[in-house]
Amino acid sequence: MLRWCLLENRKKMAGSLQFGKCSTQQLCIMSWKENWNCQQRSKFYEVLVEEMVGSGLQDGIQFGFENIDLSGEGPEMLTCQLRLFRSWFKSWTAADRQSFITALTSADSDALKYLTDRNLMHLV
């Protein structure tokens, strides 16, 4: 199922993403997002905004403390995925980031609205 989702996402985004490690990371994020509920997507949009405006490092520390799970159950899947996203986003070039945001907002009207409502589309 995951492979099918990745192939479908790759078809949708083929015109806007390059091939390689970065595009694989971006396709993973798009695939994860398809399985997130509304609340999880909202949290992703918040993290995306933090990374876009450059406050990710400071807020990332707070995000980490807010999501520490001392119950022994291990971290929630979303928490792990968002940590990976933060790490990957920071490692991408400006062009890679722009490509991802363009592909995301083209495929997801909620993401476009979220970024537009915060006057961040000019960063793309």
Protein backbone atom coordinates (compact mmCIF):
# COMPACT_ATOMS: atom_id res chain seq x y z
CA MET A 1 0.00 0.00 0.00
CA LEU A 2 2.78 2.44 0.90
CA ARG A 3 4.56 1.74 -2.37
CA TRP A 4 1.35 2.43 -4.31
CA CYS A 5 0.87 5.72 -2.42
CA LEU A 6 4.44 6.74 -3.14
CA LEU A 7 4.00 5.93 -6.83
CA GLU A 8 0.74 7.91 -6.99
CA ASN A 9 2.32 10.85 -5.19
CA ARG A 10 5.35 10.66 -7.49
CA LYS A 11 3.04 10.82 -10.53
CA LYS A 12 1.22 13.86 -9.11
CA MET A 13 4.42 15.66 -8.21
CA ALA A 14 6.71 14.55 -11.05
CA GLY A 15 6.66 17.95 -12.68
CA SER A 16 7.57 19.85 -9.54
CA LEU A 17 10.20 17.69 -7.83
CA GLN A 18 13.66 16.52 -8.81
CA PHE A 19 14.79 12.93 -8.32
CA GLY A 20 17.17 11.86 -5.56
CA LYS A 21 17.41 11.81 -1.79
CA CYS A 22 15.54 15.07 -1.29
CA SER A 23 12.65 14.04 -3.54
CA THR A 24 12.40 10.71 -1.73
CA GLN A 25 12.15 12.58 1.58
CA GLN A 26 9.52 14.90 0.14
CA LEU A 27 7.51 12.00 -1.22
CA CYS A 28 7.63 10.30 2.18
CA ILE A 29 6.24 13.43 3.82
CA MET A 30 3.46 13.69 1.25
CA SER A 31 2.63 10.01 1.82
CA TRP A 32 2.56 10.43 5.61
CA LYS A 33 0.33 13.48 5.26
CA GLU A 34 -2.24 11.43 3.37
CA ASN A 35 -2.66 9.23 6.45
CA TRP A 36 -2.83 12.03 9.03
CA ASN A 37 -6.11 13.19 10.49
CA CYS A 38 -7.13 16.86 10.46
CA GLN A 39 -5.51 17.62 13.82
CA GLN A 40 -2.24 15.99 12.79
CA ARG A 41 -2.18 17.93 9.52
CA SER A 42 -2.74 21.15 11.46
CA LYS A 43 0.26 20.31 13.64
CA PHE A 44 2.30 19.66 10.48
CA TYR A 45 1.26 23.03 9.05
CA GLU A 46 2.38 24.71 12.31
CA VAL A 47 5.76 22.99 12.10
CA LEU A 48 6.07 23.91 8.41
CA VAL A 49 5.43 27.59 9.23
CA GLU A 50 8.02 27.47 12.03
CA GLU A 51 10.58 26.08 9.61
CA MET A 52 9.65 28.52 6.86
CA VAL A 53 10.16 31.57 9.05
CA GLY A 54 13.35 30.22 10.58
CA SER A 55 12.20 29.77 14.16
CA GLY A 56 12.34 25.98 13.98
CA LEU A 57 15.40 25.52 16.18
CA GLN A 58 14.06 27.43 19.18
CA ASP A 59 10.52 26.10 18.84
CA GLY A 60 11.86 22.62 18.11
CA ILE A 61 13.28 22.40 21.62
CA GLN A 62 9.91 23.34 23.10
CA PHE A 63 8.15 20.94 20.69
CA GLY A 64 10.45 18.16 21.89
CA PHE A 65 9.68 18.79 25.55
CA GLU A 66 5.94 18.98 24.88
CA ASN A 67 6.01 15.57 23.23
CA ILE A 68 8.20 13.59 25.62
CA ASP A 69 6.41 10.40 26.55
CA LEU A 70 7.46 9.04 29.93
CA SER A 71 4.92 6.24 29.95
CA GLY A 72 7.28 3.79 28.29
CA GLU A 73 5.06 3.58 25.22
CA GLY A 74 7.59 5.37 23.01
CA PRO A 75 7.00 8.45 20.94
CA GLU A 76 3.89 8.83 18.87
CA MET A 77 4.39 8.19 15.15
CA LEU A 78 3.49 11.78 14.26
CA THR A 79 6.15 13.11 16.63
CA CYS A 80 8.80 10.99 14.91
CA GLN A 81 7.61 12.03 11.47
CA LEU A 82 7.67 15.72 12.39
CA ARG A 83 11.18 15.38 13.80
CA LEU A 84 12.30 13.83 10.53
CA PHE A 85 10.54 16.57 8.58
CA ARG A 86 12.30 19.29 10.60
CA SER A 87 15.66 17.64 10.07
CA TRP A 88 15.11 17.12 6.35
CA PHE A 89 13.70 20.60 5.76
CA LYS A 90 16.77 22.16 7.38
CA SER A 91 19.06 20.09 5.14
CA TRP A 92 17.31 21.04 1.88
CA THR A 93 18.48 23.84 -0.33
CA ALA A 94 16.26 26.90 -0.76
CA ALA A 95 15.22 25.54 -4.16
CA ASP A 96 14.32 22.16 -2.62
CA ARG A 97 12.21 23.89 0.05
CA GLN A 98 10.46 26.02 -2.54
CA SER A 99 9.80 22.95 -4.69
CA PHE A 100 8.31 21.09 -1.74
CA ILE A 101 6.06 23.97 -0.67
CA THR A 102 4.92 24.50 -4.25
CA ALA A 103 4.09 20.80 -4.64
CA LEU A 104 2.40 20.70 -1.23
CA THR A 105 0.21 23.73 -1.87
CA SER A 106 -0.66 22.51 -5.37
CA ALA A 107 -1.81 19.16 -4.00
CA ASP A 108 -3.36 20.38 -0.73
CA SER A 109 -5.77 23.34 -0.71
CA ASP A 110 -5.78 23.32 3.12
CA ALA A 111 -2.01 23.86 3.17
CA LEU A 112 -2.37 26.67 0.63
CA LYS A 113 -5.07 28.33 2.75
CA TYR A 114 -3.04 27.90 5.95
CA LEU A 115 0.04 29.56 4.43
CA THR A 116 -1.98 32.23 2.63
CA ASP A 117 -3.86 33.14 5.84
CA ARG A 118 -0.47 33.72 7.48
CA ASN A 119 0.85 35.78 4.54
CA LEU A 120 3.65 33.29 3.87
CA MET A 121 3.08 32.50 0.21
CA HIS A 122 5.43 35.32 -0.73
CA LEU A 123 8.26 33.16 0.68
CA VAL A 124 7.62 30.54 -2.00
